[in-house]
Amino acid sequence: MNLDDFIRVASFGVETAMMVSAPVLVFGLLAGVGISILQAATQINDAALAFIPKILAAVLSLIVFGPWMIGQMVSFATFSLNQIPFVTN
């Protein structure tokens, strides 16, 4: 296995990590921005008011995108395990 093969596996891993984490991060970001706008409009500054909707958004995104995320991780694991025989050459 040469340097190009290692770079391909590493780039596929980074790409998979970004794709798998994106739905949870985007939903958390949207919930945080929405709550921040609500807090700015009403001048209510309560930490729990900002924290709880972010948690709920993350859980909801995990429920909705969970099967797709697992499929992406399984695809990466299969690809990585299929590269093992090429390491010894």
PDB file of N, CA and C in Angstrom:
ATOM      1  N   MET A   1       0.863  -1.175   0.000  1.00  0.00           N
ATOM      2  CA  MET A   1       0.000   0.000   0.000  1.00  0.00           C
ATOM      3  C   MET A   1       0.905   1.232   0.000  1.00  0.00           C
ATOM      4  N   ASN A   2       0.674   2.103  -0.944  1.00  0.00           N
ATOM      5  CA  ASN A   2       1.515   3.282  -1.038  1.00  0.00           C
ATOM      6  C   ASN A   2       0.809   4.495  -0.421  1.00  0.00           C
ATOM      7  N   LEU A   3       1.453   5.619  -0.525  1.00  0.00           N
ATOM      8  CA  LEU A   3       0.942   6.836   0.099  1.00  0.00           C
ATOM      9  C   LEU A   3      -0.405   7.261  -0.475  1.00  0.00           C
ATOM     10  N   ASP A   4      -0.617   7.070  -1.751  1.00  0.00           N
ATOM     11  CA  ASP A   4      -1.889   7.440  -2.372  1.00  0.00           C
ATOM     12  C   ASP A   4      -3.060   6.648  -1.788  1.00  0.00           C
ATOM     13  N   ASP A   5      -2.816   5.371  -1.503  1.00  0.00           N
ATOM     14  CA  ASP A   5      -3.871   4.542  -0.911  1.00  0.00           C
ATOM     15  C   ASP A   5      -4.210   5.013   0.501  1.00  0.00           C
ATOM     16  N   PHE A   6      -3.191   5.352   1.264  1.00  0.00           N
ATOM     17  CA  PHE A   6      -3.432   5.861   2.612  1.00  0.00           C
ATOM     18  C   PHE A   6      -4.191   7.186   2.573  1.00  0.00           C
ATOM     19  N   ILE A   7      -3.831   8.037   1.647  1.00  0.00           N
ATOM     20  CA  ILE A   7      -4.522   9.328   1.521  1.00  0.00           C
ATOM     21  C   ILE A   7      -5.972   9.113   1.125  1.00  0.00           C
ATOM     22  N   ARG A   8      -6.228   8.154   0.231  1.00  0.00           N
ATOM     23  CA  ARG A   8      -7.604   7.867  -0.178  1.00  0.00           C
ATOM     24  C   ARG A   8      -8.445   7.381   1.005  1.00  0.00           C
ATOM     25  N   VAL A   9      -7.893   6.478   1.808  1.00  0.00           N
ATOM     26  CA  VAL A   9      -8.632   5.971   2.979  1.00  0.00           C
ATOM     27  C   VAL A   9      -8.853   7.090   3.994  1.00  0.00           C
ATOM     28  N   ALA A  10      -7.830   7.895   4.223  1.00  0.00           N
ATOM     29  CA  ALA A  10      -7.968   8.988   5.195  1.00  0.00           C
ATOM     30  C   ALA A  10      -8.967  10.034   4.721  1.00  0.00           C
ATOM     31  N   SER A  11      -8.932  10.380   3.450  1.00  0.00           N
ATOM     32  CA  SER A  11      -9.883  11.386   2.954  1.00  0.00           C
ATOM     33  C   SER A  11     -11.309  10.855   2.981  1.00  0.00           C
ATOM     34  N   PHE A  12     -11.482   9.564   2.695  1.00  0.00           N
ATOM     35  CA  PHE A  12     -12.814   8.974   2.784  1.00  0.00           C
ATOM     36  C   PHE A  12     -13.295   8.976   4.233  1.00  0.00           C
ATOM     37  N   GLY A  13     -12.387   8.761   5.177  1.00  0.00           N
ATOM     38  CA  GLY A  13     -12.750   8.804   6.592  1.00  0.00           C
ATOM     39  C   GLY A  13     -13.158  10.189   7.039  1.00  0.00           C
ATOM     40  N   VAL A  14     -12.414  11.200   6.624  1.00  0.00           N
ATOM     41  CA  VAL A  14     -12.752  12.579   6.983  1.00  0.00           C
ATOM     42  C   VAL A  14     -14.073  12.981   6.345  1.00  0.00           C
ATOM     43  N   GLU A  15     -14.268  12.607   5.086  1.00  0.00           N
ATOM     44  CA  GLU A  15     -15.527  12.914   4.393  1.00  0.00           C
ATOM     45  C   GLU A  15     -16.711  12.245   5.082  1.00  0.00           C
ATOM     46  N   THR A  16     -16.536  11.001   5.486  1.00  0.00           N
ATOM     47  CA  THR A  16     -17.604  10.284   6.179  1.00  0.00           C
ATOM     48  C   THR A  16     -17.913  10.936   7.525  1.00  0.00           C
ATOM     49  N   ALA A  17     -16.881  11.315   8.255  1.00  0.00           N
ATOM     50  CA  ALA A  17     -17.092  11.959   9.555  1.00  0.00           C
ATOM     51  C   ALA A  17     -17.844  13.276   9.403  1.00  0.00           C
ATOM     52  N   MET A  18     -17.513  14.048   8.387  1.00  0.00           N
ATOM     53  CA  MET A  18     -18.205  15.324   8.176  1.00  0.00           C
ATOM     54  C   MET A  18     -19.657  15.101   7.761  1.00  0.00           C
ATOM     55  N   MET A  19     -19.891  14.128   6.897  1.00  0.00           N
ATOM     56  CA  MET A  19     -21.255  13.870   6.443  1.00  0.00           C
ATOM     57  C   MET A  19     -22.127  13.316   7.560  1.00  0.00           C
ATOM     58  N   VAL A  20     -21.553  12.468   8.408  1.00  0.00           N
ATOM     59  CA  VAL A  20     -22.328  11.857   9.487  1.00  0.00           C
ATOM     60  C   VAL A  20     -22.643  12.879  10.581  1.00  0.00           C
ATOM     61  N   SER A  21     -21.723  13.781  10.851  1.00  0.00           N
ATOM     62  CA  SER A  21     -21.954  14.747  11.926  1.00  0.00           C
ATOM     63  C   SER A  21     -22.773  15.960  11.485  1.00  0.00           C
ATOM     64  N   ALA A  22     -22.862  16.190  10.185  1.00  0.00           N
ATOM     65  CA  ALA A  22     -23.526  17.399   9.681  1.00  0.00           C
ATOM     66  C   ALA A  22     -24.992  17.540  10.090  1.00  0.00           C
ATOM     67  N   PRO A  23     -25.835  16.515   9.988  1.00  0.00           N
ATOM     68  CA  PRO A  23     -27.249  16.728  10.353  1.00  0.00           C
ATOM     69  C   PRO A  23     -27.449  17.155  11.808  1.00  0.00           C
ATOM     70  N   VAL A  24     -26.719  16.527  12.720  1.00  0.00           N
ATOM     71  CA  VAL A  24     -26.875  16.874  14.134  1.00  0.00           C
ATOM     72  C   VAL A  24     -26.385  18.301  14.386  1.00  0.00           C
ATOM     73  N   LEU A  25     -25.258  18.651  13.793  1.00  0.00           N
ATOM     74  CA  LEU A  25     -24.717  19.997  13.993  1.00  0.00           C
ATOM     75  C   LEU A  25     -25.604  21.070  13.374  1.00  0.00           C
ATOM     76  N   VAL A  26     -26.145  20.810  12.191  1.00  0.00           N
ATOM     77  CA  VAL A  26     -26.995  21.801  11.526  1.00  0.00           C
ATOM     78  C   VAL A  26     -28.299  21.996  12.303  1.00  0.00           C
ATOM     79  N   PHE A  27     -28.921  20.915  12.751  1.00  0.00           N
ATOM     80  CA  PHE A  27     -30.156  21.055  13.521  1.00  0.00           C
ATOM     81  C   PHE A  27     -29.899  21.766  14.847  1.00  0.00           C
ATOM     82  N   GLY A  28     -28.783  21.448  15.498  1.00  0.00           N
ATOM     83  CA  GLY A  28     -28.427  22.147  16.737  1.00  0.00           C
ATOM     84  C   GLY A  28     -28.165  23.620  16.504  1.00  0.00           C
ATOM     85  N   LEU A  29     -27.499  23.938  15.396  1.00  0.00           N
ATOM     86  CA  LEU A  29     -27.230  25.327  15.055  1.00  0.00           C
ATOM     87  C   LEU A  29     -28.526  26.085  14.789  1.00  0.00           C
ATOM     88  N   LEU A  30     -29.417  25.487  14.015  1.00  0.00           N
ATOM     89  CA  LEU A  30     -30.689  26.157  13.717  1.00  0.00           C
ATOM     90  C   LEU A  30     -31.526  26.366  14.983  1.00  0.00           C
ATOM     91  N   ALA A  31     -31.535  25.390  15.860  1.00  0.00           N
ATOM     92  CA  ALA A  31     -32.267  25.548  17.118  1.00  0.00           C
ATOM     93  C   ALA A  31     -31.627  26.637  17.971  1.00  0.00           C
ATOM     94  N   GLY A  32     -30.313  26.684  18.020  1.00  0.00           N
ATOM     95  CA  GLY A  32     -29.622  27.704  18.800  1.00  0.00           C
ATOM     96  C   GLY A  32     -29.869  29.107  18.273  1.00  0.00           C
ATOM     97  N   VAL A  33     -29.835  29.269  16.959  1.00  0.00           N
ATOM     98  CA  VAL A  33     -30.091  30.584  16.372  1.00  0.00           C
ATOM     99  C   VAL A  33     -31.527  31.006  16.615  1.00  0.00           C
ATOM    100  N   GLY A  34     -32.462  30.064  16.453  1.00  0.00           N
ATOM    101  CA  GLY A  34     -33.867  30.387  16.700  1.00  0.00           C
ATOM    102  C   GLY A  34     -34.133  30.798  18.138  1.00  0.00           C
ATOM    103  N   ILE A  35     -33.553  30.094  19.076  1.00  0.00           N
ATOM    104  CA  ILE A  35     -33.743  30.424  20.488  1.00  0.00           C
ATOM    105  C   ILE A  35     -33.037  31.734  20.820  1.00  0.00           C
ATOM    106  N   SER A  36     -31.883  31.975  20.231  1.00  0.00           N
ATOM    107  CA  SER A  36     -31.182  33.241  20.480  1.00  0.00           C
ATOM    108  C   SER A  36     -31.994  34.433  19.984  1.00  0.00           C
ATOM    109  N   ILE A  37     -32.613  34.286  18.831  1.00  0.00           N
ATOM    110  CA  ILE A  37     -33.472  35.357  18.322  1.00  0.00           C
ATOM    111  C   ILE A  37     -34.661  35.567  19.246  1.00  0.00           C
ATOM    112  N   LEU A  38     -35.254  34.465  19.720  1.00  0.00           N
ATOM    113  CA  LEU A  38     -36.375  34.571  20.662  1.00  0.00           C
ATOM    114  C   LEU A  38     -35.941  35.234  21.961  1.00  0.00           C
ATOM    115  N   GLN A  39     -34.772  34.873  22.468  1.00  0.00           N
ATOM    116  CA  GLN A  39     -34.278  35.484  23.701  1.00  0.00           C
ATOM    117  C   GLN A  39     -33.965  36.962  23.509  1.00  0.00           C
ATOM    118  N   ALA A  40     -33.439  37.323  22.363  1.00  0.00           N
ATOM    119  CA  ALA A  40     -33.130  38.733  22.103  1.00  0.00           C
ATOM    120  C   ALA A  40     -34.413  39.549  21.974  1.00  0.00           C
ATOM    121  N   ALA A  41     -35.433  38.950  21.389  1.00  0.00           N
ATOM    122  CA  ALA A  41     -36.689  39.674  21.202  1.00  0.00           C
ATOM    123  C   ALA A  41     -37.437  39.850  22.514  1.00  0.00           C
ATOM    124  N   THR A  42     -37.366  38.843  23.386  1.00  0.00           N
ATOM    125  CA  THR A  42     -38.119  38.905  24.647  1.00  0.00           C
ATOM    126  C   THR A  42     -37.256  39.317  25.831  1.00  0.00           C
ATOM    127  N   GLN A  43     -35.963  39.417  25.652  1.00  0.00           N
ATOM    128  CA  GLN A  43     -34.993  39.749  26.694  1.00  0.00           C
ATOM    129  C   GLN A  43     -35.055  38.789  27.881  1.00  0.00           C
ATOM    130  N   ILE A  44     -35.303  37.518  27.562  1.00  0.00           N
ATOM    131  CA  ILE A  44     -35.251  36.457  28.570  1.00  0.00           C
ATOM    132  C   ILE A  44     -33.889  35.791  28.437  1.00  0.00           C
ATOM    133  N   ASN A  45     -33.080  35.854  29.481  1.00  0.00           N
ATOM    134  CA  ASN A  45     -31.750  35.258  29.448  1.00  0.00           C
ATOM    135  C   ASN A  45     -31.681  34.100  30.435  1.00  0.00           C
ATOM    136  N   ASP A  46     -32.137  32.960  29.995  1.00  0.00           N
ATOM    137  CA  ASP A  46     -32.113  31.760  30.820  1.00  0.00           C
ATOM    138  C   ASP A  46     -31.308  30.696  30.076  1.00  0.00           C
ATOM    139  N   ALA A  47     -30.317  30.119  30.740  1.00  0.00           N
ATOM    140  CA  ALA A  47     -29.447  29.144  30.087  1.00  0.00           C
ATOM    141  C   ALA A  47     -30.212  27.886  29.691  1.00  0.00           C
ATOM    142  N   ALA A  48     -31.158  27.468  30.524  1.00  0.00           N
ATOM    143  CA  ALA A  48     -31.927  26.262  30.209  1.00  0.00           C
ATOM    144  C   ALA A  48     -32.789  26.469  28.971  1.00  0.00           C
ATOM    145  N   LEU A  49     -33.222  27.686  28.740  1.00  0.00           N
ATOM    146  CA  LEU A  49     -34.044  27.967  27.568  1.00  0.00           C
ATOM    147  C   LEU A  49     -33.245  27.769  26.284  1.00  0.00           C
ATOM    148  N   ALA A  50     -31.956  27.991  26.312  1.00  0.00           N
ATOM    149  CA  ALA A  50     -31.119  27.786  25.129  1.00  0.00           C
ATOM    150  C   ALA A  50     -30.628  26.344  25.034  1.00  0.00           C
ATOM    151  N   PHE A  51     -30.475  25.673  26.149  1.00  0.00           N
ATOM    152  CA  PHE A  51     -29.857  24.355  26.174  1.00  0.00           C
ATOM    153  C   PHE A  51     -30.839  23.251  25.785  1.00  0.00           C
ATOM    154  N   ILE A  52     -32.038  23.282  26.325  1.00  0.00           N
ATOM    155  CA  ILE A  52     -33.007  22.205  26.129  1.00  0.00           C
ATOM    156  C   ILE A  52     -33.437  22.079  24.670  1.00  0.00           C
ATOM    157  N   PRO A  53     -33.760  23.149  23.946  1.00  0.00           N
ATOM    158  CA  PRO A  53     -34.134  22.971  22.532  1.00  0.00           C
ATOM    159  C   PRO A  53     -32.991  22.422  21.667  1.00  0.00           C
ATOM    160  N   LYS A  54     -31.752  22.755  22.008  1.00  0.00           N
ATOM    161  CA  LYS A  54     -30.627  22.201  21.253  1.00  0.00           C
ATOM    162  C   LYS A  54     -30.540  20.686  21.451  1.00  0.00           C
ATOM    163  N   ILE A  55     -30.739  20.243  22.675  1.00  0.00           N
ATOM    164  CA  ILE A  55     -30.733  18.805  22.962  1.00  0.00           C
ATOM    165  C   ILE A  55     -31.866  18.122  22.208  1.00  0.00           C
ATOM    166  N   LEU A  56     -33.059  18.705  22.242  1.00  0.00           N
ATOM    167  CA  LEU A  56     -34.200  18.119  21.543  1.00  0.00           C
ATOM    168  C   LEU A  56     -33.970  18.084  20.038  1.00  0.00           C
ATOM    169  N   ALA A  57     -33.368  19.125  19.486  1.00  0.00           N
ATOM    170  CA  ALA A  57     -33.073  19.145  18.051  1.00  0.00           C
ATOM    171  C   ALA A  57     -32.051  18.069  17.686  1.00  0.00           C
ATOM    172  N   ALA A  58     -31.049  17.882  18.533  1.00  0.00           N
ATOM    173  CA  ALA A  58     -30.044  16.848  18.267  1.00  0.00           C
ATOM    174  C   ALA A  58     -30.665  15.452  18.329  1.00  0.00           C
ATOM    175  N   VAL A  59     -31.516  15.218  19.306  1.00  0.00           N
ATOM    176  CA  VAL A  59     -32.176  13.917  19.424  1.00  0.00           C
ATOM    177  C   VAL A  59     -33.105  13.680  18.233  1.00  0.00           C
ATOM    178  N   LEU A  60     -33.849  14.701  17.844  1.00  0.00           N
ATOM    179  CA  LEU A  60     -34.742  14.578  16.690  1.00  0.00           C
ATOM    180  C   LEU A  60     -33.949  14.286  15.419  1.00  0.00           C
ATOM    181  N   SER A  61     -32.831  14.970  15.237  1.00  0.00           N
ATOM    182  CA  SER A  61     -32.026  14.711  14.042  1.00  0.00           C
ATOM    183  C   SER A  61     -31.423  13.305  14.075  1.00  0.00           C
ATOM    184  N   LEU A  62     -31.067  12.807  15.253  1.00  0.00           N
ATOM    185  CA  LEU A  62     -30.571  11.437  15.346  1.00  0.00           C
ATOM    186  C   LEU A  62     -31.657  10.427  15.011  1.00  0.00           C
ATOM    187  N   ILE A  63     -32.889  10.713  15.407  1.00  0.00           N
ATOM    188  CA  ILE A  63     -33.999   9.814  15.088  1.00  0.00           C
ATOM    189  C   ILE A  63     -34.263   9.826  13.585  1.00  0.00           C
ATOM    190  N   VAL A  64     -34.274  11.011  12.994  1.00  0.00           N
ATOM    191  CA  VAL A  64     -34.594  11.130  11.569  1.00  0.00           C
ATOM    192  C   VAL A  64     -33.456  10.614  10.687  1.00  0.00           C
ATOM    193  N   PHE A  65     -32.227  11.031  10.973  1.00  0.00           N
ATOM    194  CA  PHE A  65     -31.097  10.695  10.116  1.00  0.00           C
ATOM    195  C   PHE A  65     -30.285   9.500  10.607  1.00  0.00           C
ATOM    196  N   GLY A  66     -30.685   8.883  11.703  1.00  0.00           N
ATOM    197  CA  GLY A  66     -29.930   7.771  12.278  1.00  0.00           C
ATOM    198  C   GLY A  66     -29.667   6.624  11.322  1.00  0.00           C
ATOM    199  N   PRO A  67     -30.694   6.111  10.632  1.00  0.00           N
ATOM    200  CA  PRO A  67     -30.429   4.997   9.704  1.00  0.00           C
ATOM    201  C   PRO A  67     -29.453   5.370   8.591  1.00  0.00           C
ATOM    202  N   TRP A  68     -29.565   6.567   8.071  1.00  0.00           N
ATOM    203  CA  TRP A  68     -28.644   7.007   7.027  1.00  0.00           C
ATOM    204  C   TRP A  68     -27.226   7.134   7.579  1.00  0.00           C
ATOM    205  N   MET A  69     -27.103   7.667   8.800  1.00  0.00           N
ATOM    206  CA  MET A  69     -25.790   7.826   9.422  1.00  0.00           C
ATOM    207  C   MET A  69     -25.132   6.467   9.650  1.00  0.00           C
ATOM    208  N   ILE A  70     -25.901   5.511  10.122  1.00  0.00           N
ATOM    209  CA  ILE A  70     -25.359   4.169  10.352  1.00  0.00           C
ATOM    210  C   ILE A  70     -24.936   3.545   9.030  1.00  0.00           C
ATOM    211  N   GLY A  71     -25.728   3.753   7.984  1.00  0.00           N
ATOM    212  CA  GLY A  71     -25.357   3.234   6.663  1.00  0.00           C
ATOM    213  C   GLY A  71     -24.049   3.805   6.165  1.00  0.00           C
ATOM    214  N   GLN A  72     -23.841   5.104   6.380  1.00  0.00           N
ATOM    215  CA  GLN A  72     -22.584   5.731   5.970  1.00  0.00           C
ATOM    216  C   GLN A  72     -21.405   5.167   6.756  1.00  0.00           C
ATOM    217  N   MET A  73     -21.591   4.961   8.056  1.00  0.00           N
ATOM    218  CA  MET A  73     -20.503   4.427   8.877  1.00  0.00           C
ATOM    219  C   MET A  73     -20.198   2.971   8.516  1.00  0.00           C
ATOM    220  N   VAL A  74     -21.229   2.200   8.205  1.00  0.00           N
ATOM    221  CA  VAL A  74     -21.016   0.816   7.786  1.00  0.00           C
ATOM    222  C   VAL A  74     -20.280   0.783   6.452  1.00  0.00           C
ATOM    223  N   SER A  75     -20.634   1.691   5.560  1.00  0.00           N
ATOM    224  CA  SER A  75     -19.947   1.772   4.266  1.00  0.00           C
ATOM    225  C   SER A  75     -18.459   2.076   4.460  1.00  0.00           C
ATOM    226  N   PHE A  76     -18.148   3.002   5.341  1.00  0.00           N
ATOM    227  CA  PHE A  76     -16.744   3.325   5.603  1.00  0.00           C
ATOM    228  C   PHE A  76     -16.021   2.156   6.269  1.00  0.00           C
ATOM    229  N   ALA A  77     -16.684   1.498   7.217  1.00  0.00           N
ATOM    230  CA  ALA A  77     -16.054   0.358   7.889  1.00  0.00           C
ATOM    231  C   ALA A  77     -15.786  -0.768   6.894  1.00  0.00           C
ATOM    232  N   THR A  78     -16.726  -1.032   6.001  1.00  0.00           N
ATOM    233  CA  THR A  78     -16.536  -2.064   4.985  1.00  0.00           C
ATOM    234  C   THR A  78     -15.378  -1.707   4.064  1.00  0.00           C
ATOM    235  N   PHE A  79     -15.329  -0.456   3.636  1.00  0.00           N
ATOM    236  CA  PHE A  79     -14.230  -0.002   2.777  1.00  0.00           C
ATOM    237  C   PHE A  79     -12.885  -0.148   3.491  1.00  0.00           C
ATOM    238  N   SER A  80     -12.840   0.261   4.749  1.00  0.00           N
ATOM    239  CA  SER A  80     -11.582   0.190   5.507  1.00  0.00           C
ATOM    240  C   SER A  80     -11.137  -1.255   5.708  1.00  0.00           C
ATOM    241  N   LEU A  81     -12.076  -2.125   6.044  1.00  0.00           N
ATOM    242  CA  LEU A  81     -11.718  -3.526   6.258  1.00  0.00           C
ATOM    243  C   LEU A  81     -11.313  -4.211   4.962  1.00  0.00           C
ATOM    244  N   ASN A  82     -11.871  -3.778   3.847  1.00  0.00           N
ATOM    245  CA  ASN A  82     -11.468  -4.349   2.562  1.00  0.00           C
ATOM    246  C   ASN A  82     -10.067  -3.892   2.148  1.00  0.00           C
ATOM    247  N   GLN A  83      -9.541  -2.851   2.763  1.00  0.00           N
ATOM    248  CA  GLN A  83      -8.201  -2.366   2.439  1.00  0.00           C
ATOM    249  C   GLN A  83      -7.112  -3.101   3.207  1.00  0.00           C
ATOM    250  N   ILE A  84      -7.473  -3.932   4.196  1.00  0.00           N
ATOM    251  CA  ILE A  84      -6.471  -4.632   5.014  1.00  0.00           C
ATOM    252  C   ILE A  84      -5.556  -5.520   4.197  1.00  0.00           C
ATOM    253  N   PRO A  85      -6.061  -6.304   3.244  1.00  0.00           N
ATOM    254  CA  PRO A  85      -5.119  -7.161   2.487  1.00  0.00           C
ATOM    255  C   PRO A  85      -4.065  -6.374   1.705  1.00  0.00           C
ATOM    256  N   PHE A  86      -4.369  -5.149   1.352  1.00  0.00           N
ATOM    257  CA  PHE A  86      -3.432  -4.351   0.557  1.00  0.00           C
ATOM    258  C   PHE A  86      -2.327  -3.727   1.411  1.00  0.00           C
ATOM    259  N   VAL A  87      -2.497  -3.724   2.717  1.00  0.00           N
ATOM    260  CA  VAL A  87      -1.489  -3.136   3.603  1.00  0.00           C
ATOM    261  C   VAL A  87      -0.233  -4.000   3.630  1.00  0.00           C
ATOM    262  N   THR A  88      -0.402  -5.299   3.553  1.00  0.00           N
ATOM    263  CA  THR A  88       0.738  -6.209   3.665  1.00  0.00           C
ATOM    264  C   THR A  88       1.586  -6.259   2.415  1.00  0.00           C
ATOM    265  N   ASN A  89       1.060  -5.800   1.295  1.00  0.00           N
ATOM    266  CA  ASN A  89       1.821  -5.852   0.032  1.00  0.00           C
ATOM    267  C   ASN A  89       2.706  -4.663  -0.132  1.00  0.00           C
TER     268      ASN A  89
END
